Amino acid sequence: MNENDTSSSSSSSSVWSRYRQAKQEALASPGGEEANPDLTLEELELAIAELAASSGLPETGMPPRSTVHPVKRPPVSLWFYSTLLFLFAALVIGMIWWGRKMYG
């Protein structure tokens, strides 16, 4: 692992740990007991969102997957699509050349 992978994994784990901590605090009542089972899902989500925002998490709910699990290798889609485009152009040019040679 290089230095960037280490820093990104530690920052993503801190985001995840802060989210989990905010969720645990939202589920616990002030006396340290479990949350009131009469809470609706919306009320519980609101409590989690408020505690997550106070912990420094910008969004409501879980952090995005790209934050929790960052990509460790560069994307290859640009190379893939460029290769496909080149092969298609070569096929069209080859077929035109072959057609003129056979029938022209």
C-alpha atoms as a PDB file:
ATOM      1  CA  MET A   1       0.000   0.000   0.000  1.00  0.00           C
ATOM      2  CA  ASN A   2       1.220   3.453  -0.720  1.00  0.00           C
ATOM      3  CA  GLU A   3       0.782   6.556   1.386  1.00  0.00           C
ATOM      4  CA  ASN A   4      -2.402   7.718  -0.377  1.00  0.00           C
ATOM      5  CA  ASP A   5      -4.144   4.346   0.119  1.00  0.00           C
ATOM      6  CA  THR A   6      -3.366   4.460   3.826  1.00  0.00           C
ATOM      7  CA  SER A   7      -4.705   7.984   4.274  1.00  0.00           C
ATOM      8  CA  SER A   8      -7.872   7.294   2.260  1.00  0.00           C
ATOM      9  CA  SER A   9      -8.604   4.081   4.148  1.00  0.00           C
ATOM     10  CA  SER A  10      -8.095   5.794   7.508  1.00  0.00           C
ATOM     11  CA  SER A  11     -10.346   8.708   6.516  1.00  0.00           C
ATOM     12  CA  SER A  12     -13.050   6.370   5.217  1.00  0.00           C
ATOM     13  CA  SER A  13     -12.904   4.278   8.383  1.00  0.00           C
ATOM     14  CA  SER A  14     -13.204   7.427  10.504  1.00  0.00           C
ATOM     15  CA  VAL A  15     -16.306   8.460   8.536  1.00  0.00           C
ATOM     16  CA  TRP A  16     -17.789   5.029   9.075  1.00  0.00           C
ATOM     17  CA  SER A  17     -16.925   5.026  12.775  1.00  0.00           C
ATOM     18  CA  ARG A  18     -18.424   8.489  13.245  1.00  0.00           C
ATOM     19  CA  TYR A  19     -21.621   7.316  11.521  1.00  0.00           C
ATOM     20  CA  ARG A  20     -21.823   4.220  13.710  1.00  0.00           C
ATOM     21  CA  GLN A  21     -21.213   6.300  16.832  1.00  0.00           C
ATOM     22  CA  ALA A  22     -23.962   8.776  15.868  1.00  0.00           C
ATOM     23  CA  LYS A  23     -26.339   5.878  15.210  1.00  0.00           C
ATOM     24  CA  GLN A  24     -25.575   4.310  18.597  1.00  0.00           C
ATOM     25  CA  GLU A  25     -26.114   7.658  20.340  1.00  0.00           C
ATOM     26  CA  ALA A  26     -29.427   8.142  18.536  1.00  0.00           C
ATOM     27  CA  LEU A  27     -30.607   4.676  19.541  1.00  0.00           C
ATOM     28  CA  ALA A  28     -29.673   5.135  23.209  1.00  0.00           C
ATOM     29  CA  SER A  29     -31.910   7.128  25.466  1.00  0.00           C
ATOM     30  CA  PRO A  30     -30.449   9.714  27.898  1.00  0.00           C
ATOM     31  CA  GLY A  31     -30.422   7.174  30.744  1.00  0.00           C
ATOM     32  CA  GLY A  32     -28.218   4.802  28.763  1.00  0.00           C
ATOM     33  CA  GLU A  33     -31.080   2.440  28.009  1.00  0.00           C
ATOM     34  CA  GLU A  34     -32.279   1.244  24.627  1.00  0.00           C
ATOM     35  CA  ALA A  35     -34.333   3.598  22.482  1.00  0.00           C
ATOM     36  CA  ASN A  36     -38.050   3.871  22.879  1.00  0.00           C
ATOM     37  CA  PRO A  37     -39.598   1.131  20.700  1.00  0.00           C
ATOM     38  CA  ASP A  38     -42.591   3.419  20.041  1.00  0.00           C
ATOM     39  CA  LEU A  39     -40.495   5.704  17.801  1.00  0.00           C
ATOM     40  CA  THR A  40     -41.427   5.664  14.161  1.00  0.00           C
ATOM     41  CA  LEU A  41     -38.823   5.023  11.496  1.00  0.00           C
ATOM     42  CA  GLU A  42     -38.951   8.674  10.405  1.00  0.00           C
ATOM     43  CA  GLU A  43     -38.342   9.915  13.960  1.00  0.00           C
ATOM     44  CA  LEU A  44     -35.439   7.507  14.379  1.00  0.00           C
ATOM     45  CA  GLU A  45     -33.908   8.562  11.042  1.00  0.00           C
ATOM     46  CA  LEU A  46     -34.276  12.220  12.027  1.00  0.00           C
ATOM     47  CA  ALA A  47     -32.527  11.589  15.351  1.00  0.00           C
ATOM     48  CA  ILE A  48     -29.690   9.751  13.584  1.00  0.00           C
ATOM     49  CA  ALA A  49     -29.392  12.548  11.014  1.00  0.00           C
ATOM     50  CA  GLU A  50     -29.209  15.238  13.712  1.00  0.00           C
ATOM     51  CA  LEU A  51     -26.521  13.387  15.650  1.00  0.00           C
ATOM     52  CA  ALA A  52     -24.590  12.597  12.461  1.00  0.00           C
ATOM     53  CA  ALA A  53     -24.671  16.274  11.473  1.00  0.00           C
ATOM     54  CA  SER A  54     -23.419  17.292  14.920  1.00  0.00           C
ATOM     55  CA  SER A  55     -20.597  14.726  14.534  1.00  0.00           C
ATOM     56  CA  GLY A  56     -19.507  16.332  11.284  1.00  0.00           C
ATOM     57  CA  LEU A  57     -21.196  14.055   8.769  1.00  0.00           C
ATOM     58  CA  PRO A  58     -22.680  16.229   6.013  1.00  0.00           C
ATOM     59  CA  GLU A  59     -25.455  13.971   4.746  1.00  0.00           C
ATOM     60  CA  THR A  60     -28.356  12.160   6.302  1.00  0.00           C
ATOM     61  CA  GLY A  61     -28.035   8.425   6.378  1.00  0.00           C
ATOM     62  CA  MET A  62     -25.010   6.352   5.564  1.00  0.00           C
ATOM     63  CA  PRO A  63     -21.955   7.796   3.823  1.00  0.00           C
ATOM     64  CA  PRO A  64     -21.646   7.036   0.105  1.00  0.00           C
ATOM     65  CA  ARG A  65     -20.064   3.751  -0.894  1.00  0.00           C
ATOM     66  CA  SER A  66     -17.280   5.598  -2.705  1.00  0.00           C
ATOM     67  CA  THR A  67     -16.275   7.199   0.613  1.00  0.00           C
ATOM     68  CA  VAL A  68     -16.367   3.990   2.622  1.00  0.00           C
ATOM     69  CA  HIS A  69     -14.728   1.843  -0.090  1.00  0.00           C
ATOM     70  CA  PRO A  70     -12.489   4.029  -2.292  1.00  0.00           C
ATOM     71  CA  VAL A  71     -11.203   2.664  -5.616  1.00  0.00           C
ATOM     72  CA  LYS A  72      -7.609   1.460  -5.362  1.00  0.00           C
ATOM     73  CA  ARG A  73      -6.855   1.244  -9.087  1.00  0.00           C
ATOM     74  CA  PRO A  74      -7.338   3.723 -11.908  1.00  0.00           C
ATOM     75  CA  PRO A  75     -10.420   3.343 -14.094  1.00  0.00           C
ATOM     76  CA  VAL A  76      -9.856   1.481 -17.352  1.00  0.00           C
ATOM     77  CA  SER A  77     -13.096   2.451 -19.050  1.00  0.00           C
ATOM     78  CA  LEU A  78     -11.419   5.221 -21.092  1.00  0.00           C
ATOM     79  CA  TRP A  79      -8.907   2.744 -22.535  1.00  0.00           C
ATOM     80  CA  PHE A  80     -11.653   0.189 -23.152  1.00  0.00           C
ATOM     81  CA  TYR A  81     -13.899   2.585 -25.067  1.00  0.00           C
ATOM     82  CA  SER A  82     -10.971   4.009 -27.039  1.00  0.00           C
ATOM     83  CA  THR A  83      -9.960   0.484 -28.069  1.00  0.00           C
ATOM     84  CA  LEU A  84     -13.517  -0.342 -29.117  1.00  0.00           C
ATOM     85  CA  LEU A  85     -13.730   2.836 -31.177  1.00  0.00           C
ATOM     86  CA  PHE A  86     -10.400   2.079 -32.884  1.00  0.00           C
ATOM     87  CA  LEU A  87     -11.454  -1.513 -33.674  1.00  0.00           C
ATOM     88  CA  PHE A  88     -14.781  -0.341 -35.113  1.00  0.00           C
ATOM     89  CA  ALA A  89     -13.066   2.246 -37.319  1.00  0.00           C
ATOM     90  CA  ALA A  90     -10.502  -0.353 -38.467  1.00  0.00           C
ATOM     91  CA  LEU A  91     -13.327  -2.791 -39.304  1.00  0.00           C
ATOM     92  CA  VAL A  92     -15.220  -0.199 -41.364  1.00  0.00           C
ATOM     93  CA  ILE A  93     -12.078   0.878 -43.230  1.00  0.00           C
ATOM     94  CA  GLY A  94     -11.095  -2.765 -43.799  1.00  0.00           C
ATOM     95  CA  MET A  95     -14.518  -3.668 -45.169  1.00  0.00           C
ATOM     96  CA  ILE A  96     -14.540  -0.657 -47.521  1.00  0.00           C
ATOM     97  CA  TRP A  97     -11.037  -1.554 -48.740  1.00  0.00           C
ATOM     98  CA  TRP A  98     -11.997  -5.238 -49.182  1.00  0.00           C
ATOM     99  CA  GLY A  99     -15.221  -4.309 -51.027  1.00  0.00           C
ATOM    100  CA  ARG A 100     -13.400  -2.026 -53.475  1.00  0.00           C
ATOM    101  CA  LYS A 101     -10.694  -4.647 -54.061  1.00  0.00           C
ATOM    102  CA  MET A 102     -13.211  -7.462 -54.731  1.00  0.00           C
ATOM    103  CA  TYR A 103     -15.916  -5.553 -56.620  1.00  0.00           C
ATOM    104  CA  GLY A 104     -14.365  -2.285 -57.701  1.00  0.00           C
END
